[in-house]
Amino acid sequence: MLHAEHVSFAAGGRRLVDDVTLALTPGRMLAILGPNGAGKSTLLTLLSGERRPTGGTVRLDGRELRDLPPRLLARRRALVIQHPAAGFAFSVEEAMTLAVEAAPCSLAERRRLVADSLRSADAEGLRDRLLPQLSGGESQRVAFARALAQLAGGALAAPRGPVAEDGTAAGYLLLDEPTASLDPAHQHHLLRAARAWMARTGGACAVVLHDMTLASRYCDDGLLLADGRTAWSGSMAALPVPVLERVFATRFVRMPAPDGLGAVFATTGQPPAGLDG
C-alpha cells in the first residue's frame, strides 16, 4: 500500500499541502479533485517521491519513500505529469525503449513491452514520430504509455517472494490531469486503459481530474482538496454536491449517467444556493 499520513508541504512561506492523509489500495482508483491551486499536483509529487514532505510521512509497504533506493522506487511507481517535456529529439520508440532498458529480459521481450504499452495508450501510430513534433494530446498518450512500460519492466525486476507487508508487490500509477489535452474519446480510452492495467496487475492508480463526470465513472474513491487541506474523502458514489458547491463556489447539478455508470455532473455558472446576490 502507498500511504500518506498527515503530509504537508510548504514553499515560499505558503503551505501547498496541509495535513493530508490518504491510502492507495491495490485494485482501486483514487480521484484527486479540487480547484486550481488546491495542492493536487503537489500532493501527487509527494506520493511519487519527487518531493519530500515538510511534515508527515509517505510510506510504500510500510517503508518511508526517502529510505527507498531510486531504482526500487522506479520499479513500483510511475508519475505522468501534466505537461510532459519533449526533451531531446528522440523518437517515440527510442523514448519508450529507455523506459524499459533496465528490465531483466531479452531485447525481444522489451520490444513486446513497448508495443503492448503503446497499444494500451492508443499510441501505436506515433512510434516513429519525434517527441518535439507531438501535439499536447499525443504527448500525453506517449507519457502514459511510457509509465505503463516502466511499471511492466519494474514488475519483471521485482524480487521473488513477498516484498510487501501484505505479500504483494503492487505497482502505483500516478496521473496528473492526464485527460486535459485529450479529445473526449481519448479521455475515456486512457482511463479505461488505466483500469485495465489495475485489473491485470493488481496495481492502484491516483489521478488528478477536473471533470467530475469522468471521476465518477472511472474512480472508486475520491479526495477533494481545498487550500491544500482535505475538504472531503470517501467513495465517489457518495460525492456530496453541497461540498462541491462550497469548494468550487458554483452550482452543480448531478444526474444519473444514461448507461448507469457513475453520474453526470454539470455546472451552471451560478453561485450556490444561499450565496446568490
Foldseek 3Di string as FASTA:
>chain_A
DKWWAQFWADDPRAILAGGDTDDFFFLFEEEEEFDPSLNRQVVLCCSLVVDPTPDTFIDDLRHTPVPDDPVLSLQAEAEDAQFDDLPDFDALQVLLLVLQVPQPDDPVVLVVLLCVLCVLLVNNVRRGHTSVPDDRLSNLSSSSSSRSSNNVSSVNVDDPWADHPVTARAHEYEEEASCPRPDPVSVVSSLVSVSVSSVVGSHGYYYYHHALQSCQQRGQKYFYGASNYTQDIDGSLPPDQVSVLVRVQFHWDWAQDPVRRGIHIDTDRAGDPPPHD
